[in-house]
Amino acid sequence: MKNMILEKLNHLKEKHNIRILYACESGSRAWGFPSPDSDYDVRFIYVYPQIKYLSISEPQDNINLEIDENLLDFSAWELRK
């Protein structure tokens, strides 16, 4: 599962043109009491390239998505948020 999560994080980096500063597992698995149907909750903080911050429009400040039929749940926040 770790390799799948890392692969998805790398895909998100490429797709959104971001740099991930910190990522962690959250939820019941992180606390050590997952149920048989628990998903993997991944949370991370990211930044954009400097040029994006110099734009007139604000860059997207969060990313939320479920992947693989509720097996993986990703939520992310741009550093300033």
N, C-alpha and C. Protein backbone atom coordinates (compact mmCIF):
# COMPACT_ATOMS: atom_id res chain seq x y z
N MET A 1 0.83 -1.20 0.00
CA MET A 1 0.00 0.00 0.00
C MET A 1 0.88 1.26 0.00
N LYS A 2 1.99 1.20 0.74
CA LYS A 2 2.86 2.38 0.79
C LYS A 2 3.32 2.79 -0.61
N ASN A 3 3.69 1.83 -1.43
CA ASN A 3 4.14 2.15 -2.79
C ASN A 3 3.02 2.77 -3.61
N MET A 4 1.79 2.28 -3.43
CA MET A 4 0.65 2.84 -4.16
C MET A 4 0.41 4.29 -3.74
N ILE A 5 0.49 4.56 -2.44
CA ILE A 5 0.29 5.93 -1.94
C ILE A 5 1.37 6.86 -2.49
N LEU A 6 2.62 6.41 -2.46
CA LEU A 6 3.72 7.23 -2.99
C LEU A 6 3.54 7.48 -4.49
N GLU A 7 3.08 6.47 -5.21
CA GLU A 7 2.82 6.64 -6.64
C GLU A 7 1.73 7.68 -6.88
N LYS A 8 0.66 7.62 -6.10
CA LYS A 8 -0.44 8.59 -6.25
C LYS A 8 0.02 10.00 -5.89
N LEU A 9 0.84 10.12 -4.84
CA LEU A 9 1.38 11.44 -4.47
C LEU A 9 2.24 12.00 -5.60
N ASN A 10 3.06 11.17 -6.20
CA ASN A 10 3.89 11.62 -7.33
C ASN A 10 3.01 12.04 -8.51
N HIS A 11 1.95 11.30 -8.75
CA HIS A 11 1.02 11.66 -9.82
C HIS A 11 0.38 13.03 -9.54
N LEU A 12 -0.04 13.26 -8.30
CA LEU A 12 -0.64 14.54 -7.93
C LEU A 12 0.36 15.69 -8.07
N LYS A 13 1.62 15.44 -7.73
CA LYS A 13 2.65 16.47 -7.90
C LYS A 13 2.75 16.89 -9.36
N GLU A 14 2.78 15.91 -10.24
CA GLU A 14 2.88 16.20 -11.67
C GLU A 14 1.62 16.88 -12.20
N LYS A 15 0.47 16.34 -11.84
CA LYS A 15 -0.79 16.84 -12.36
C LYS A 15 -1.07 18.28 -11.95
N HIS A 16 -0.78 18.64 -10.69
CA HIS A 16 -1.09 19.97 -10.18
C HIS A 16 0.12 20.91 -10.15
N ASN A 17 1.28 20.41 -10.59
CA ASN A 17 2.51 21.20 -10.58
C ASN A 17 2.77 21.78 -9.18
N ILE A 18 2.88 20.87 -8.20
CA ILE A 18 3.09 21.28 -6.81
C ILE A 18 4.31 20.57 -6.25
N ARG A 19 4.78 21.08 -5.12
CA ARG A 19 5.83 20.41 -4.35
C ARG A 19 5.22 20.06 -3.01
N ILE A 20 5.27 18.80 -2.63
CA ILE A 20 4.71 18.35 -1.37
C ILE A 20 5.75 18.54 -0.28
N LEU A 21 5.36 19.32 0.74
CA LEU A 21 6.28 19.60 1.85
C LEU A 21 6.18 18.56 2.96
N TYR A 22 4.98 18.07 3.18
CA TYR A 22 4.76 17.12 4.27
C TYR A 22 3.55 16.26 3.94
N ALA A 23 3.66 14.97 4.16
CA ALA A 23 2.53 14.06 3.96
C ALA A 23 2.51 13.07 5.10
N CYS A 24 1.29 12.69 5.51
CA CYS A 24 1.17 11.73 6.61
C CYS A 24 -0.12 10.92 6.45
N GLU A 25 -0.18 9.82 7.18
CA GLU A 25 -1.38 9.02 7.25
C GLU A 25 -2.22 9.54 8.40
N SER A 26 -3.53 9.57 8.20
CA SER A 26 -4.45 10.11 9.19
C SER A 26 -5.57 9.10 9.40
N GLY A 27 -6.44 9.35 10.35
CA GLY A 27 -7.60 8.49 10.55
C GLY A 27 -7.34 7.27 11.40
N SER A 28 -8.24 6.32 11.31
CA SER A 28 -8.20 5.15 12.20
C SER A 28 -6.94 4.31 12.02
N ARG A 29 -6.43 4.21 10.82
CA ARG A 29 -5.20 3.42 10.62
C ARG A 29 -4.00 4.08 11.32
N ALA A 30 -3.94 5.39 11.26
CA ALA A 30 -2.84 6.11 11.92
C ALA A 30 -2.91 5.95 13.43
N TRP A 31 -4.12 5.85 13.96
CA TRP A 31 -4.30 5.69 15.40
C TRP A 31 -4.17 4.25 15.86
N GLY A 32 -4.10 3.32 14.90
CA GLY A 32 -3.89 1.92 15.24
C GLY A 32 -5.15 1.12 15.50
N PHE A 33 -6.31 1.60 15.08
CA PHE A 33 -7.53 0.82 15.26
C PHE A 33 -8.42 0.83 14.01
N PRO A 34 -7.87 0.35 12.88
CA PRO A 34 -8.67 0.33 11.66
C PRO A 34 -9.74 -0.77 11.71
N SER A 35 -10.84 -0.53 11.06
CA SER A 35 -11.85 -1.57 10.90
C SER A 35 -11.54 -2.29 9.58
N PRO A 36 -12.16 -3.44 9.35
CA PRO A 36 -11.87 -4.17 8.11
C PRO A 36 -12.15 -3.36 6.83
N ASP A 37 -13.07 -2.41 6.89
CA ASP A 37 -13.38 -1.62 5.70
C ASP A 37 -12.80 -0.20 5.73
N SER A 38 -11.83 0.04 6.60
CA SER A 38 -11.20 1.36 6.69
C SER A 38 -10.43 1.69 5.42
N ASP A 39 -10.54 2.95 5.00
CA ASP A 39 -9.73 3.40 3.88
C ASP A 39 -8.41 3.94 4.43
N TYR A 40 -7.54 4.33 3.52
CA TYR A 40 -6.26 4.94 3.89
C TYR A 40 -6.41 6.44 3.69
N ASP A 41 -6.32 7.19 4.78
CA ASP A 41 -6.44 8.64 4.74
C ASP A 41 -5.05 9.26 4.64
N VAL A 42 -4.82 10.01 3.58
CA VAL A 42 -3.53 10.65 3.36
C VAL A 42 -3.76 12.16 3.37
N ARG A 43 -2.98 12.87 4.17
CA ARG A 43 -3.07 14.32 4.25
C ARG A 43 -1.70 14.90 3.90
N PHE A 44 -1.71 16.03 3.18
CA PHE A 44 -0.42 16.65 2.87
C PHE A 44 -0.54 18.15 2.69
N ILE A 45 0.60 18.81 2.82
CA ILE A 45 0.74 20.25 2.65
C ILE A 45 1.63 20.47 1.43
N TYR A 46 1.25 21.43 0.58
CA TYR A 46 1.99 21.64 -0.66
C TYR A 46 2.18 23.13 -0.95
N VAL A 47 3.09 23.39 -1.88
CA VAL A 47 3.30 24.74 -2.41
C VAL A 47 3.40 24.65 -3.93
N TYR A 48 3.14 25.79 -4.56
CA TYR A 48 3.27 25.91 -6.01
C TYR A 48 4.63 26.52 -6.34
N PRO A 49 5.03 26.48 -7.60
CA PRO A 49 6.22 27.22 -8.01
C PRO A 49 5.99 28.72 -7.78
N GLN A 50 7.04 29.45 -7.53
CA GLN A 50 6.96 30.86 -7.18
C GLN A 50 6.15 31.68 -8.19
N ILE A 51 6.28 31.39 -9.45
CA ILE A 51 5.59 32.18 -10.48
C ILE A 51 4.07 32.13 -10.31
N LYS A 52 3.56 31.05 -9.81
CA LYS A 52 2.11 30.93 -9.61
C LYS A 52 1.61 31.92 -8.57
N TYR A 53 2.42 32.23 -7.58
CA TYR A 53 2.03 33.18 -6.53
C TYR A 53 2.08 34.63 -7.02
N LEU A 54 2.73 34.86 -8.14
CA LEU A 54 2.82 36.21 -8.70
C LEU A 54 1.69 36.51 -9.66
N SER A 55 0.80 35.58 -9.85
CA SER A 55 -0.33 35.74 -10.74
C SER A 55 -1.40 36.62 -10.10
N ILE A 56 -2.27 37.17 -10.92
CA ILE A 56 -3.38 37.98 -10.42
C ILE A 56 -4.40 37.10 -9.69
N SER A 57 -4.64 35.91 -10.20
CA SER A 57 -5.61 35.01 -9.57
C SER A 57 -4.95 34.17 -8.48
N GLU A 58 -5.73 33.87 -7.47
CA GLU A 58 -5.24 33.04 -6.36
C GLU A 58 -5.14 31.59 -6.80
N PRO A 59 -4.06 30.90 -6.43
CA PRO A 59 -3.98 29.47 -6.77
C PRO A 59 -4.93 28.66 -5.88
N GLN A 60 -5.29 27.51 -6.35
CA GLN A 60 -6.16 26.61 -5.59
C GLN A 60 -5.52 26.31 -4.23
N ASP A 61 -6.30 26.40 -3.15
CA ASP A 61 -5.72 26.23 -1.82
C ASP A 61 -6.01 24.88 -1.17
N ASN A 62 -6.65 23.97 -1.91
CA ASN A 62 -6.84 22.62 -1.37
C ASN A 62 -7.05 21.62 -2.51
N ILE A 63 -6.80 20.37 -2.18
CA ILE A 63 -7.01 19.26 -3.11
C ILE A 63 -7.69 18.16 -2.30
N ASN A 64 -8.83 17.71 -2.75
CA ASN A 64 -9.55 16.62 -2.08
C ASN A 64 -10.01 15.62 -3.12
N LEU A 65 -9.70 14.36 -2.92
CA LEU A 65 -10.19 13.35 -3.83
C LEU A 65 -10.12 11.96 -3.20
N GLU A 66 -11.04 11.14 -3.64
CA GLU A 66 -11.03 9.73 -3.26
C GLU A 66 -10.55 8.95 -4.47
N ILE A 67 -9.73 7.95 -4.22
CA ILE A 67 -9.13 7.18 -5.29
C ILE A 67 -9.42 5.69 -5.04
N ASP A 68 -9.60 4.96 -6.09
CA ASP A 68 -9.76 3.50 -6.01
C ASP A 68 -10.94 3.07 -5.16
N GLU A 69 -12.13 3.56 -5.50
CA GLU A 69 -13.37 3.13 -4.86
C GLU A 69 -13.30 3.19 -3.33
N ASN A 70 -12.94 4.35 -2.83
CA ASN A 70 -12.88 4.62 -1.38
C ASN A 70 -11.76 3.91 -0.65
N LEU A 71 -10.79 3.36 -1.36
CA LEU A 71 -9.65 2.74 -0.69
C LEU A 71 -8.67 3.81 -0.21
N LEU A 72 -8.49 4.86 -1.00
CA LEU A 72 -7.58 5.95 -0.66
C LEU A 72 -8.34 7.27 -0.61
N ASP A 73 -8.09 8.05 0.42
CA ASP A 73 -8.73 9.35 0.59
C ASP A 73 -7.63 10.39 0.78
N PHE A 74 -7.47 11.28 -0.20
CA PHE A 74 -6.43 12.30 -0.14
C PHE A 74 -7.06 13.66 0.13
N SER A 75 -6.49 14.40 1.08
CA SER A 75 -6.84 15.80 1.33
C SER A 75 -5.55 16.57 1.50
N ALA A 76 -5.51 17.76 0.89
CA ALA A 76 -4.28 18.54 0.95
C ALA A 76 -4.61 20.02 1.06
N TRP A 77 -3.66 20.75 1.64
CA TRP A 77 -3.82 22.17 1.80
C TRP A 77 -2.57 22.90 1.36
N GLU A 78 -2.78 23.99 0.64
CA GLU A 78 -1.67 24.84 0.24
C GLU A 78 -1.12 25.49 1.51
N LEU A 79 0.16 25.69 1.58
CA LEU A 79 0.84 26.12 2.81
C LEU A 79 0.20 27.33 3.47
N ARG A 80 -0.25 28.29 2.69
CA ARG A 80 -0.83 29.50 3.30
C ARG A 80 -2.17 29.26 3.95
N LYS A 81 -2.86 28.21 3.58
CA LYS A 81 -4.16 27.92 4.17
C LYS A 81 -3.95 27.36 5.55
